[in-house]
Amino acid sequence: MSLLDELKILGVNTEEGLDRVMGDTDLYEMMLGMFIDSVNTNPVRSEDFEGGDIMETIERVHMLKGVTGNLAIMPLFDGYTEVLGLLRTGKIPEAQTRFERLLPVQEQVLLCIKRYKDGE
């Protein structure tokens, strides 16, 4: 099974992602690797929703929403879209709960990508 096949099982719309890069599988797979970097350099953690300035959390969630949308990682894009909407309307506890439900899905996607990236 290929990386793209496994991502499809996880709900990633790989056809749409490939369409965005004009069918260039190598480029799409490279960009999937960049998703890992984006998560690592702009981490969102559960504690980011607890007190303090929520603007930085909104910015990070917005960035991850954009990256996942561009790559058609739909389960994460949909989740981050919902979290962002809740944050922007001041529903911080609800946003935190939704984010926490999103983390296992994100971890599955990241592990899948890493497994293939490390196997190169």
C-alpha atoms as a PDB file:
ATOM      1  CA  MET A   1       0.000   0.000   0.000  1.00  0.00           C
ATOM      2  CA  SER A   2       1.253   3.484  -0.836  1.00  0.00           C
ATOM      3  CA  LEU A   3       1.298   6.668   1.222  1.00  0.00           C
ATOM      4  CA  LEU A   4      -1.582   8.077  -0.798  1.00  0.00           C
ATOM      5  CA  ASP A   5      -3.610   4.888  -0.364  1.00  0.00           C
ATOM      6  CA  GLU A   6      -3.149   5.003   3.402  1.00  0.00           C
ATOM      7  CA  LEU A   7      -4.018   8.694   3.538  1.00  0.00           C
ATOM      8  CA  LYS A   8      -7.234   7.996   1.618  1.00  0.00           C
ATOM      9  CA  ILE A   9      -8.200   5.504   4.314  1.00  0.00           C
ATOM     10  CA  LEU A  10      -7.664   8.294   6.871  1.00  0.00           C
ATOM     11  CA  GLY A  11     -10.045  10.558   4.958  1.00  0.00           C
ATOM     12  CA  VAL A  12      -7.541  12.640   2.999  1.00  0.00           C
ATOM     13  CA  ASN A  13      -8.846  13.656  -0.431  1.00  0.00           C
ATOM     14  CA  THR A  14      -5.621  12.824  -2.238  1.00  0.00           C
ATOM     15  CA  GLU A  15      -7.187  13.391  -5.669  1.00  0.00           C
ATOM     16  CA  GLU A  16      -7.994  16.983  -4.756  1.00  0.00           C
ATOM     17  CA  GLY A  17      -4.554  17.430  -3.214  1.00  0.00           C
ATOM     18  CA  LEU A  18      -2.903  16.129  -6.372  1.00  0.00           C
ATOM     19  CA  ASP A  19      -5.103  18.373  -8.508  1.00  0.00           C
ATOM     20  CA  ARG A  20      -3.763  21.362  -6.589  1.00  0.00           C
ATOM     21  CA  VAL A  21      -0.216  20.443  -7.664  1.00  0.00           C
ATOM     22  CA  MET A  22      -1.202  19.519 -11.231  1.00  0.00           C
ATOM     23  CA  GLY A  23      -0.868  15.789 -10.579  1.00  0.00           C
ATOM     24  CA  ASP A  24       2.748  15.957  -9.400  1.00  0.00           C
ATOM     25  CA  THR A  25       2.873  13.128  -6.846  1.00  0.00           C
ATOM     26  CA  ASP A  26       6.439  13.904  -5.756  1.00  0.00           C
ATOM     27  CA  LEU A  27       5.544  17.542  -5.081  1.00  0.00           C
ATOM     28  CA  TYR A  28       2.410  16.573  -3.168  1.00  0.00           C
ATOM     29  CA  GLU A  29       4.341  14.098  -1.033  1.00  0.00           C
ATOM     30  CA  MET A  30       7.010  16.744  -0.374  1.00  0.00           C
ATOM     31  CA  MET A  31       4.286  19.157   0.712  1.00  0.00           C
ATOM     32  CA  LEU A  32       2.858  16.503   3.028  1.00  0.00           C
ATOM     33  CA  GLY A  33       6.293  16.426   4.660  1.00  0.00           C
ATOM     34  CA  MET A  34       6.087  20.184   5.026  1.00  0.00           C
ATOM     35  CA  PHE A  35       2.813  19.671   6.928  1.00  0.00           C
ATOM     36  CA  ILE A  36       4.838  17.863   9.597  1.00  0.00           C
ATOM     37  CA  ASP A  37       7.161  20.866   9.777  1.00  0.00           C
ATOM     38  CA  SER A  38       4.173  23.228  10.062  1.00  0.00           C
ATOM     39  CA  VAL A  39       2.755  21.299  13.008  1.00  0.00           C
ATOM     40  CA  ASN A  40       6.158  21.242  14.691  1.00  0.00           C
ATOM     41  CA  THR A  41       6.950  24.931  14.175  1.00  0.00           C
ATOM     42  CA  ASN A  42       3.431  26.198  14.953  1.00  0.00           C
ATOM     43  CA  PRO A  43       2.208  23.791  17.591  1.00  0.00           C
ATOM     44  CA  VAL A  44      -1.238  24.111  19.068  1.00  0.00           C
ATOM     45  CA  ARG A  45      -1.631  22.515  22.484  1.00  0.00           C
ATOM     46  CA  SER A  46      -4.645  22.039  24.691  1.00  0.00           C
ATOM     47  CA  GLU A  47      -3.244  24.425  27.282  1.00  0.00           C
ATOM     48  CA  ASP A  48      -3.172  27.192  24.644  1.00  0.00           C
ATOM     49  CA  PHE A  49      -6.943  27.467  25.130  1.00  0.00           C
ATOM     50  CA  GLU A  50      -6.654  28.156  28.853  1.00  0.00           C
ATOM     51  CA  GLY A  51      -6.467  31.830  29.737  1.00  0.00           C
ATOM     52  CA  GLY A  52      -4.157  34.440  28.381  1.00  0.00           C
ATOM     53  CA  ASP A  53      -4.105  35.920  24.900  1.00  0.00           C
ATOM     54  CA  ILE A  54      -6.104  33.665  22.605  1.00  0.00           C
ATOM     55  CA  MET A  55      -5.016  35.620  19.502  1.00  0.00           C
ATOM     56  CA  GLU A  56      -1.831  33.586  19.085  1.00  0.00           C
ATOM     57  CA  THR A  57      -3.859  30.378  19.277  1.00  0.00           C
ATOM     58  CA  ILE A  58      -6.256  31.740  16.647  1.00  0.00           C
ATOM     59  CA  GLU A  59      -3.303  32.552  14.368  1.00  0.00           C
ATOM     60  CA  ARG A  60      -1.806  29.072  14.738  1.00  0.00           C
ATOM     61  CA  VAL A  61      -5.129  27.312  14.204  1.00  0.00           C
ATOM     62  CA  HIS A  62      -5.748  29.504  11.143  1.00  0.00           C
ATOM     63  CA  MET A  63      -2.347  28.590   9.705  1.00  0.00           C
ATOM     64  CA  LEU A  64      -2.946  24.859  10.235  1.00  0.00           C
ATOM     65  CA  LYS A  65      -6.418  25.178   8.734  1.00  0.00           C
ATOM     66  CA  GLY A  66      -4.870  26.698   5.615  1.00  0.00           C
ATOM     67  CA  VAL A  67      -2.161  24.063   5.287  1.00  0.00           C
ATOM     68  CA  THR A  68      -4.576  21.183   5.758  1.00  0.00           C
ATOM     69  CA  GLY A  69      -6.988  22.759   3.283  1.00  0.00           C
ATOM     70  CA  ASN A  70      -4.297  23.182   0.644  1.00  0.00           C
ATOM     71  CA  LEU A  71      -3.294  19.542   1.058  1.00  0.00           C
ATOM     72  CA  ALA A  72      -6.936  18.358   1.184  1.00  0.00           C
ATOM     73  CA  ILE A  73      -6.423  16.707   4.570  1.00  0.00           C
ATOM     74  CA  MET A  74     -10.144  17.020   5.048  1.00  0.00           C
ATOM     75  CA  PRO A  75     -10.642  15.556   8.541  1.00  0.00           C
ATOM     76  CA  LEU A  76      -8.121  18.060   9.900  1.00  0.00           C
ATOM     77  CA  PHE A  77      -9.277  20.923   7.694  1.00  0.00           C
ATOM     78  CA  ASP A  78     -12.877  20.443   8.805  1.00  0.00           C
ATOM     79  CA  GLY A  79     -11.819  20.164  12.442  1.00  0.00           C
ATOM     80  CA  TYR A  80      -9.579  23.215  12.365  1.00  0.00           C
ATOM     81  CA  THR A  81     -12.321  25.178  10.582  1.00  0.00           C
ATOM     82  CA  GLU A  82     -14.712  24.335  13.401  1.00  0.00           C
ATOM     83  CA  VAL A  83     -12.148  25.145  16.112  1.00  0.00           C
ATOM     84  CA  LEU A  84     -11.377  28.477  14.463  1.00  0.00           C
ATOM     85  CA  GLY A  85     -15.047  29.397  14.262  1.00  0.00           C
ATOM     86  CA  LEU A  86     -15.533  28.591  17.935  1.00  0.00           C
ATOM     87  CA  LEU A  87     -12.458  30.616  18.909  1.00  0.00           C
ATOM     88  CA  ARG A  88     -13.559  33.618  16.890  1.00  0.00           C
ATOM     89  CA  THR A  89     -16.976  33.602  18.560  1.00  0.00           C
ATOM     90  CA  GLY A  90     -15.470  33.383  22.042  1.00  0.00           C
ATOM     91  CA  LYS A  91     -16.485  29.777  22.683  1.00  0.00           C
ATOM     92  CA  ILE A  92     -13.110  28.854  24.096  1.00  0.00           C
ATOM     93  CA  PRO A  93     -14.077  25.745  26.128  1.00  0.00           C
ATOM     94  CA  GLU A  94     -15.969  24.330  23.146  1.00  0.00           C
ATOM     95  CA  ALA A  95     -12.998  25.059  20.876  1.00  0.00           C
ATOM     96  CA  GLN A  96     -10.674  23.293  23.286  1.00  0.00           C
ATOM     97  CA  THR A  97     -12.939  20.236  23.434  1.00  0.00           C
ATOM     98  CA  ARG A  98     -13.193  20.072  19.629  1.00  0.00           C
ATOM     99  CA  PHE A  99      -9.429  20.506  19.317  1.00  0.00           C
ATOM    100  CA  GLU A 100      -8.783  17.670  21.761  1.00  0.00           C
ATOM    101  CA  ARG A 101     -11.022  15.368  19.674  1.00  0.00           C
ATOM    102  CA  LEU A 102      -9.012  16.375  16.608  1.00  0.00           C
ATOM    103  CA  LEU A 103      -5.599  15.466  18.040  1.00  0.00           C
ATOM    104  CA  PRO A 104      -5.803  11.664  17.604  1.00  0.00           C
ATOM    105  CA  VAL A 105      -6.770  12.119  13.951  1.00  0.00           C
ATOM    106  CA  GLN A 106      -3.894  14.536  13.432  1.00  0.00           C
ATOM    107  CA  GLU A 107      -1.511  12.094  15.093  1.00  0.00           C
ATOM    108  CA  GLN A 108      -2.635   9.279  12.769  1.00  0.00           C
ATOM    109  CA  VAL A 109      -2.054  11.448   9.697  1.00  0.00           C
ATOM    110  CA  LEU A 110       1.333  12.623  10.954  1.00  0.00           C
ATOM    111  CA  LEU A 111       2.471   9.084  11.778  1.00  0.00           C
ATOM    112  CA  CYS A 112       1.392   7.866   8.351  1.00  0.00           C
ATOM    113  CA  ILE A 113       3.337  10.610   6.572  1.00  0.00           C
ATOM    114  CA  LYS A 114       6.386  10.148   8.824  1.00  0.00           C
ATOM    115  CA  ARG A 115       6.436   6.412   8.222  1.00  0.00           C
ATOM    116  CA  TYR A 116       6.784   6.943   4.491  1.00  0.00           C
ATOM    117  CA  LYS A 117       9.068   9.937   4.806  1.00  0.00           C
ATOM    118  CA  ASP A 118      11.437   8.030   7.101  1.00  0.00           C
ATOM    119  CA  GLY A 119      11.331   5.022   4.775  1.00  0.00           C
ATOM    120  CA  GLU A 120      12.797   7.021   1.886  1.00  0.00           C
END
